[in-house]
């Protein structure tokens, strides 16, 4: 798979492994959250780096105590109209304090890429060929203005956003 990070494509040292696959003890692997739950102690005894593949449909509060032990957390973007992955990214960064690589995986469009980065993802693993091609060509459809704040340290404080809608003078009605 293509892994885009820090403005370009890089070699991915991690391999996502199936739940029933044998693990190379020293290899950097990404396992499903289901496998992590079933084999937590064994997985953390491995000498190799460990990553976690989230499941969009399941709660994940139980990873909080171990969040710092994962080098990578991969979040699947299943389809265009499903916003759960965006929320998971924000929760992992803001509430769980995840500092490692947060990776967006799946068939998202290039137009979603800036929004994915904005909510805390720092690596993209797109499966959509047009997205991969656009990133290879250096195309980045930046969105310079937003209605909703994400990070106060990176954005203009609410109330000073000139593009936010407000009533025109003389139209004070409901």
Protein backbone atom coordinates (compact mmCIF):
# COMPACT_ATOMS: atom_id res chain seq x y z
CA UNK A 1 0.00 0.00 0.00
CA UNK A 2 1.01 3.61 -0.52
CA UNK A 3 1.85 5.52 2.67
CA UNK A 4 1.88 9.32 2.47
CA UNK A 5 3.51 11.19 5.31
CA UNK A 6 5.27 14.53 5.78
CA UNK A 7 4.32 15.71 2.31
CA UNK A 8 5.39 12.64 0.32
CA UNK A 9 5.27 8.91 -0.07
CA UNK A 10 7.46 6.85 2.25
CA UNK A 11 8.24 3.19 2.80
CA UNK A 12 5.88 1.62 5.29
CA UNK A 13 7.79 -0.46 7.81
CA UNK A 14 4.54 -1.78 9.34
CA UNK A 15 2.53 -4.70 8.00
CA UNK A 16 -1.14 -5.17 8.82
CA UNK A 17 -1.65 -8.83 9.74
CA UNK A 18 -4.79 -10.94 9.80
CA UNK A 19 -6.15 -12.14 13.12
CA UNK A 20 -5.16 -15.73 12.39
CA UNK A 21 -1.71 -14.97 10.94
CA UNK A 22 1.45 -15.87 12.79
CA UNK A 23 3.50 -12.88 13.89
CA UNK A 24 7.19 -12.39 13.26
CA UNK A 25 8.38 -11.50 16.78
CA UNK A 26 10.56 -8.56 15.75
CA UNK A 27 8.56 -7.23 12.80
CA UNK A 28 6.56 -3.99 13.07
CA UNK A 29 2.94 -5.13 12.81
CA UNK A 30 -0.53 -3.66 12.98
CA UNK A 31 -3.13 -5.95 14.55
CA UNK A 32 -6.87 -5.58 14.82
CA UNK A 33 -8.35 -4.28 18.02
CA UNK A 34 -10.13 -7.65 18.37
CA UNK A 35 -6.79 -9.49 18.27
CA UNK A 36 -5.27 -7.01 20.72
CA UNK A 37 -8.14 -7.65 23.14
CA UNK A 38 -7.73 -11.41 22.85
CA UNK A 39 -3.89 -11.47 23.00
CA UNK A 40 -2.97 -8.24 24.77
CA UNK A 41 -0.32 -9.64 27.12
CA UNK A 42 1.32 -11.78 24.43
CA UNK A 43 1.42 -8.88 21.96
CA UNK A 44 3.08 -6.52 24.42
CA UNK A 45 5.76 -9.13 25.20
CA UNK A 46 6.89 -9.11 21.56
CA UNK A 47 10.10 -7.17 20.94
CA UNK A 48 8.77 -5.67 17.69
CA UNK A 49 6.82 -2.43 17.34
CA UNK A 50 3.05 -2.76 17.62
CA UNK A 51 0.27 -0.91 15.86
CA UNK A 52 -3.49 -1.13 16.23
CA UNK A 53 -6.23 -1.23 13.59
CA UNK A 54 -9.42 0.30 14.92
CA UNK A 55 -12.92 -1.06 14.32
CA UNK A 56 -15.37 1.70 13.44
CA UNK A 57 -18.35 -0.11 14.89
CA UNK A 58 -16.98 -0.92 18.34
CA UNK A 59 -16.17 1.12 21.47
CA UNK A 60 -12.49 1.59 22.20
CA UNK A 61 -12.20 3.19 25.63
CA UNK A 62 -10.36 0.09 26.88
CA UNK A 63 -7.22 1.05 24.94
CA UNK A 64 -6.68 4.19 27.02
CA UNK A 65 -4.26 2.64 29.53
CA UNK A 66 -2.14 1.19 26.70
CA UNK A 67 -2.35 4.09 24.24
CA UNK A 68 1.32 5.02 24.63
CA UNK A 69 2.44 1.49 23.79
CA UNK A 70 1.23 1.70 20.19
CA UNK A 71 3.53 3.31 17.63
CA UNK A 72 0.75 3.46 15.04
CA UNK A 73 -3.01 3.49 15.20
CA UNK A 74 -4.71 2.93 11.86
CA UNK A 75 -8.31 4.02 11.40
CA UNK A 76 -10.34 2.70 8.46
CA UNK A 77 -12.30 5.17 6.35
CA UNK A 78 -14.95 2.85 4.97
CA UNK A 79 -16.98 5.12 2.70
CA UNK A 80 -17.45 8.78 1.86
CA UNK A 81 -20.60 9.30 3.93
CA UNK A 82 -19.27 7.70 7.13
CA UNK A 83 -17.79 10.31 9.47
CA UNK A 84 -16.94 7.98 12.37
CA UNK A 85 -13.26 7.80 11.43
CA UNK A 86 -12.94 11.59 11.71
CA UNK A 87 -14.43 11.43 15.21
CA UNK A 88 -12.17 8.55 16.23
CA UNK A 89 -9.12 10.54 15.12
CA UNK A 90 -10.14 13.52 17.26
CA UNK A 91 -10.92 11.31 20.25
CA UNK A 92 -7.61 9.46 20.02
CA UNK A 93 -5.67 12.73 19.95
CA UNK A 94 -7.74 14.94 22.25
CA UNK A 95 -9.22 12.59 24.85
CA UNK A 96 -6.81 9.66 24.85
CA UNK A 97 -3.66 11.73 24.24
CA UNK A 98 -2.26 9.51 21.47
CA UNK A 99 1.10 10.95 20.32
CA UNK A 100 2.17 8.30 17.79
CA UNK A 101 1.39 7.99 14.11
CA UNK A 102 -2.33 8.24 13.40
CA UNK A 103 -2.98 6.68 10.02
CA UNK A 104 -6.07 7.07 7.81
CA UNK A 105 -6.66 3.93 5.74
CA UNK A 106 -9.18 3.42 2.98
CA UNK A 107 -10.95 4.66 -0.13
CA UNK A 108 -11.28 8.34 0.76
CA UNK A 109 -11.05 11.08 -1.84
CA UNK A 110 -8.32 13.67 -2.23
CA UNK A 111 -10.87 16.31 -1.20
CA UNK A 112 -11.16 14.63 2.20
CA UNK A 113 -7.39 14.55 2.79
CA UNK A 114 -7.03 18.07 4.27
CA UNK A 115 -9.95 17.42 6.60
CA UNK A 116 -8.43 14.09 7.65
CA UNK A 117 -5.16 15.84 8.47
CA UNK A 118 -7.00 18.63 10.27
CA UNK A 119 -8.54 16.26 12.85
CA UNK A 120 -5.20 14.77 13.83
CA UNK A 121 -4.11 12.20 11.27
CA UNK A 122 -0.48 12.55 10.24
CA UNK A 123 -0.23 9.65 7.78
CA UNK A 124 -2.46 8.70 4.87
CA UNK A 125 -2.79 5.23 3.40
CA UNK A 126 -5.29 5.80 0.61
CA UNK A 127 -6.64 2.92 -1.46
CA UNK A 128 -8.46 5.10 -3.98
CA UNK A 129 -6.28 5.26 -7.14
CA UNK A 130 -7.29 8.85 -7.94
CA UNK A 131 -6.28 9.97 -4.45
CA UNK A 132 -2.92 8.21 -4.73
CA UNK A 133 -2.33 9.78 -8.14
CA UNK A 134 -3.25 13.26 -6.88
CA UNK A 135 -0.86 12.95 -3.93
CA UNK A 136 1.92 11.71 -6.23
CA UNK A 137 1.41 14.80 -8.38
CA UNK A 138 1.57 17.05 -5.32
CA UNK A 139 -2.06 18.13 -5.49
CA UNK A 140 -3.41 19.23 -2.10
CA UNK A 141 -6.88 20.85 -2.07
CA UNK A 142 -6.34 22.99 1.02
CA UNK A 143 -9.43 24.37 2.70
CA UNK A 144 -8.37 27.72 4.21
CA UNK A 145 -11.58 28.56 6.07
CA UNK A 146 -13.70 26.49 8.44
CA UNK A 147 -16.92 26.97 10.34
CA UNK A 148 -15.92 24.69 13.22
CA UNK A 149 -12.76 25.13 15.27
CA UNK A 150 -10.56 22.10 15.88
CA UNK A 151 -7.40 23.31 17.56
CA UNK A 152 -7.31 26.69 19.26
CA UNK A 153 -3.53 26.89 18.88
CA UNK A 154 -3.73 26.65 15.09
CA UNK A 155 -6.84 28.60 14.25
CA UNK A 156 -8.36 32.04 14.54
CA UNK A 157 -10.47 32.17 17.73
CA UNK A 158 -14.24 31.85 17.31
CA UNK A 159 -15.99 35.17 16.89
CA UNK A 160 -13.27 36.65 14.67
CA UNK A 161 -13.95 34.51 11.62
CA UNK A 162 -15.04 36.89 8.83
CA UNK A 163 -16.52 34.10 6.73
CA UNK A 164 -18.93 32.94 9.45
CA UNK A 165 -22.52 33.76 8.64
CA UNK A 166 -24.15 36.60 10.52
CA UNK A 167 -27.27 38.59 10.02
CA UNK A 168 -27.06 41.62 7.77
CA UNK A 169 -27.98 45.02 9.25
CA UNK A 170 -31.71 45.62 9.02
CA UNK A 171 -32.52 41.88 9.00
CA UNK A 172 -32.65 41.20 12.73
CA UNK A 173 -35.71 38.94 12.58
CA UNK A 174 -35.76 35.20 13.24
